[in-house]
Amino acid sequence: MKPEKLAFFRFMLTQKINELLNEAEKTVSEMTNEKVNFPDPTDRASLESDRNFELRIRDRERKLIAKMQEAIKRIDDGTFGICESCGGPISEKRLMARPVTTLCIDCKTKQEKLEKLKGE
């Protein structure tokens, strides 16, 4: 892959990581600064449900950040855009849609078919 494309993907991944970290900071700040006392148990339950949902989203984003950091490491070591399974190139179109991917579309399709057969 050309150096300017690699630089583009690095910039895109870094920017997305920073956005997610800023959102996580906002969530922590809001939850720690929020001093809410609901006398109604239903309102309290609703708040707890909303917080729980927010925390699940942040946990998924945390995992995505780790994958993005791994993708940046692959850019650094020269393996970004190379399929882990077959060693072939991963299309730029696929990398644009999912820059953290480690499999080309053919290998990913095979993997999903195997998972479906196994019932995973």
C-alpha atoms as a PDB file:
ATOM      1  CA  MET A   1       0.000   0.000   0.000  1.00  0.00           C
ATOM      2  CA  LYS A   2       1.234   3.486  -0.819  1.00  0.00           C
ATOM      3  CA  PRO A   3       2.642   5.602   2.033  1.00  0.00           C
ATOM      4  CA  GLU A   4       0.038   8.349   1.531  1.00  0.00           C
ATOM      5  CA  LYS A   5      -2.785   5.793   1.876  1.00  0.00           C
ATOM      6  CA  LEU A   6      -1.213   4.419   5.043  1.00  0.00           C
ATOM      7  CA  ALA A   7      -0.916   7.969   6.392  1.00  0.00           C
ATOM      8  CA  PHE A   8      -4.582   8.528   5.577  1.00  0.00           C
ATOM      9  CA  PHE A   9      -5.651   5.392   7.465  1.00  0.00           C
ATOM     10  CA  ARG A  10      -3.409   6.300  10.423  1.00  0.00           C
ATOM     11  CA  PHE A  11      -4.960   9.780  10.562  1.00  0.00           C
ATOM     12  CA  MET A  12      -8.496   8.382  10.269  1.00  0.00           C
ATOM     13  CA  LEU A  13      -7.909   5.802  13.023  1.00  0.00           C
ATOM     14  CA  THR A  14      -6.219   8.308  15.334  1.00  0.00           C
ATOM     15  CA  GLN A  15      -9.006  10.824  14.844  1.00  0.00           C
ATOM     16  CA  LYS A  16     -11.681   8.218  15.625  1.00  0.00           C
ATOM     17  CA  ILE A  17      -9.809   7.059  18.742  1.00  0.00           C
ATOM     18  CA  ASN A  18      -9.660  10.651  19.989  1.00  0.00           C
ATOM     19  CA  GLU A  19     -13.392  11.141  19.348  1.00  0.00           C
ATOM     20  CA  LEU A  20     -14.265   7.989  21.290  1.00  0.00           C
ATOM     21  CA  LEU A  21     -11.986   8.937  24.182  1.00  0.00           C
ATOM     22  CA  ASN A  22     -13.587  12.385  24.365  1.00  0.00           C
ATOM     23  CA  GLU A  23     -17.046  10.801  24.487  1.00  0.00           C
ATOM     24  CA  ALA A  24     -15.908   8.462  27.262  1.00  0.00           C
ATOM     25  CA  GLU A  25     -14.545  11.424  29.225  1.00  0.00           C
ATOM     26  CA  LYS A  26     -17.858  13.243  28.858  1.00  0.00           C
ATOM     27  CA  THR A  27     -19.754  10.195  30.073  1.00  0.00           C
ATOM     28  CA  VAL A  28     -17.562   9.822  33.160  1.00  0.00           C
ATOM     29  CA  SER A  29     -17.805  13.524  33.880  1.00  0.00           C
ATOM     30  CA  GLU A  30     -21.589  13.544  33.558  1.00  0.00           C
ATOM     31  CA  MET A  31     -22.031  10.470  35.724  1.00  0.00           C
ATOM     32  CA  THR A  32     -19.751  11.690  38.494  1.00  0.00           C
ATOM     33  CA  ASN A  33     -21.070  15.265  38.526  1.00  0.00           C
ATOM     34  CA  GLU A  34     -24.712  14.266  38.359  1.00  0.00           C
ATOM     35  CA  LYS A  35     -26.285  14.516  41.802  1.00  0.00           C
ATOM     36  CA  VAL A  36     -29.780  13.292  41.163  1.00  0.00           C
ATOM     37  CA  ASN A  37     -32.164  12.098  43.833  1.00  0.00           C
ATOM     38  CA  PHE A  38     -35.393  10.638  42.538  1.00  0.00           C
ATOM     39  CA  PRO A  39     -38.063   9.976  45.131  1.00  0.00           C
ATOM     40  CA  ASP A  40     -39.993   7.940  42.551  1.00  0.00           C
ATOM     41  CA  PRO A  41     -38.552   4.408  42.135  1.00  0.00           C
ATOM     42  CA  THR A  42     -39.669   4.312  38.491  1.00  0.00           C
ATOM     43  CA  ASP A  43     -37.681   7.444  37.650  1.00  0.00           C
ATOM     44  CA  ARG A  44     -34.664   6.038  39.480  1.00  0.00           C
ATOM     45  CA  ALA A  45     -34.962   2.755  37.583  1.00  0.00           C
ATOM     46  CA  SER A  46     -35.196   4.628  34.307  1.00  0.00           C
ATOM     47  CA  LEU A  47     -32.022   6.592  35.121  1.00  0.00           C
ATOM     48  CA  GLU A  48     -30.187   3.397  36.076  1.00  0.00           C
ATOM     49  CA  SER A  49     -31.314   1.726  32.857  1.00  0.00           C
ATOM     50  CA  ASP A  50     -30.076   4.690  30.803  1.00  0.00           C
ATOM     51  CA  ARG A  51     -26.732   4.666  32.612  1.00  0.00           C
ATOM     52  CA  ASN A  52     -26.377   0.938  32.112  1.00  0.00           C
ATOM     53  CA  PHE A  53     -27.028   1.331  28.392  1.00  0.00           C
ATOM     54  CA  GLU A  54     -24.492   4.166  28.164  1.00  0.00           C
ATOM     55  CA  LEU A  55     -21.856   2.088  29.947  1.00  0.00           C
ATOM     56  CA  ARG A  56     -22.438  -0.864  27.592  1.00  0.00           C
ATOM     57  CA  ILE A  57     -21.909   1.451  24.624  1.00  0.00           C
ATOM     58  CA  ARG A  58     -18.689   2.802  26.150  1.00  0.00           C
ATOM     59  CA  ASP A  59     -17.453  -0.751  26.771  1.00  0.00           C
ATOM     60  CA  ARG A  60     -18.011  -1.625  23.109  1.00  0.00           C
ATOM     61  CA  GLU A  61     -16.185   1.552  22.136  1.00  0.00           C
ATOM     62  CA  ARG A  62     -13.302   0.615  24.452  1.00  0.00           C
ATOM     63  CA  LYS A  63     -12.940  -2.679  22.586  1.00  0.00           C
ATOM     64  CA  LEU A  64     -13.085  -0.836  19.262  1.00  0.00           C
ATOM     65  CA  ILE A  65     -10.322   1.523  20.425  1.00  0.00           C
ATOM     66  CA  ALA A  66      -8.110  -1.497  21.172  1.00  0.00           C
ATOM     67  CA  LYS A  67      -8.763  -2.829  17.656  1.00  0.00           C
ATOM     68  CA  MET A  68      -7.942   0.567  16.158  1.00  0.00           C
ATOM     69  CA  GLN A  69      -4.687   0.722  18.132  1.00  0.00           C
ATOM     70  CA  GLU A  70      -3.814  -2.743  16.790  1.00  0.00           C
ATOM     71  CA  ALA A  71      -4.521  -1.491  13.249  1.00  0.00           C
ATOM     72  CA  ILE A  72      -2.118   1.415  13.810  1.00  0.00           C
ATOM     73  CA  LYS A  73       0.522  -1.094  14.968  1.00  0.00           C
ATOM     74  CA  ARG A  74      -0.061  -3.041  11.739  1.00  0.00           C
ATOM     75  CA  ILE A  75       0.500   0.189   9.792  1.00  0.00           C
ATOM     76  CA  ASP A  76       3.783   0.635  11.689  1.00  0.00           C
ATOM     77  CA  ASP A  77       5.002  -2.907  11.084  1.00  0.00           C
ATOM     78  CA  GLY A  78       3.905  -3.036   7.446  1.00  0.00           C
ATOM     79  CA  THR A  79       1.154  -5.640   7.743  1.00  0.00           C
ATOM     80  CA  PHE A  80      -1.841  -3.301   7.464  1.00  0.00           C
ATOM     81  CA  GLY A  81      -4.057  -4.274   4.530  1.00  0.00           C
ATOM     82  CA  ILE A  82      -2.711  -7.824   4.365  1.00  0.00           C
ATOM     83  CA  CYS A  83      -5.071 -10.712   5.134  1.00  0.00           C
ATOM     84  CA  GLU A  84      -4.046 -12.721   8.205  1.00  0.00           C
ATOM     85  CA  SER A  85      -5.473 -15.878   6.711  1.00  0.00           C
ATOM     86  CA  CYS A  86      -4.356 -16.013   3.060  1.00  0.00           C
ATOM     87  CA  GLY A  87      -1.687 -13.299   3.006  1.00  0.00           C
ATOM     88  CA  GLY A  88      -3.393 -11.523   0.120  1.00  0.00           C
ATOM     89  CA  PRO A  89      -4.286  -7.840  -0.008  1.00  0.00           C
ATOM     90  CA  ILE A  90      -7.415  -6.507   1.663  1.00  0.00           C
ATOM     91  CA  SER A  91      -9.229  -4.185  -0.720  1.00  0.00           C
ATOM     92  CA  GLU A  92      -9.109  -0.459   0.028  1.00  0.00           C
ATOM     93  CA  LYS A  93     -12.888  -0.398  -0.247  1.00  0.00           C
ATOM     94  CA  ARG A  94     -13.125  -2.935   2.605  1.00  0.00           C
ATOM     95  CA  LEU A  95     -10.536  -1.053   4.655  1.00  0.00           C
ATOM     96  CA  MET A  96     -12.486   2.186   4.199  1.00  0.00           C
ATOM     97  CA  ALA A  97     -15.623   0.490   5.511  1.00  0.00           C
ATOM     98  CA  ARG A  98     -13.832  -1.343   8.330  1.00  0.00           C
ATOM     99  CA  PRO A  99     -10.235  -0.209   8.858  1.00  0.00           C
ATOM    100  CA  VAL A 100      -9.724  -2.605  11.785  1.00  0.00           C
ATOM    101  CA  THR A 101     -10.331  -5.683   9.642  1.00  0.00           C
ATOM    102  CA  THR A 102      -7.627  -8.325   9.431  1.00  0.00           C
ATOM    103  CA  LEU A 103      -9.264 -10.555   6.819  1.00  0.00           C
ATOM    104  CA  CYS A 104     -10.004 -10.063   3.137  1.00  0.00           C
ATOM    105  CA  ILE A 105     -13.634 -10.413   2.113  1.00  0.00           C
ATOM    106  CA  ASP A 106     -13.189 -13.974   0.815  1.00  0.00           C
ATOM    107  CA  CYS A 107     -11.556 -15.228   4.021  1.00  0.00           C
ATOM    108  CA  LYS A 108     -14.112 -13.396   6.180  1.00  0.00           C
ATOM    109  CA  THR A 109     -16.953 -14.965   4.181  1.00  0.00           C
ATOM    110  CA  LYS A 110     -15.416 -18.425   4.673  1.00  0.00           C
ATOM    111  CA  GLN A 111     -14.975 -17.750   8.393  1.00  0.00           C
ATOM    112  CA  GLU A 112     -18.608 -16.690   8.771  1.00  0.00           C
ATOM    113  CA  LYS A 113     -19.826 -19.784   6.899  1.00  0.00           C
ATOM    114  CA  LEU A 114     -17.780 -22.017   9.211  1.00  0.00           C
ATOM    115  CA  GLU A 115     -19.145 -20.221  12.269  1.00  0.00           C
ATOM    116  CA  LYS A 116     -22.673 -20.674  10.970  1.00  0.00           C
ATOM    117  CA  LEU A 117     -22.101 -24.389  10.418  1.00  0.00           C
ATOM    118  CA  LYS A 118     -20.707 -24.753  13.938  1.00  0.00           C
ATOM    119  CA  GLY A 119     -23.655 -22.822  15.339  1.00  0.00           C
ATOM    120  CA  GLU A 120     -21.581 -20.013  16.852  1.00  0.00           C
END
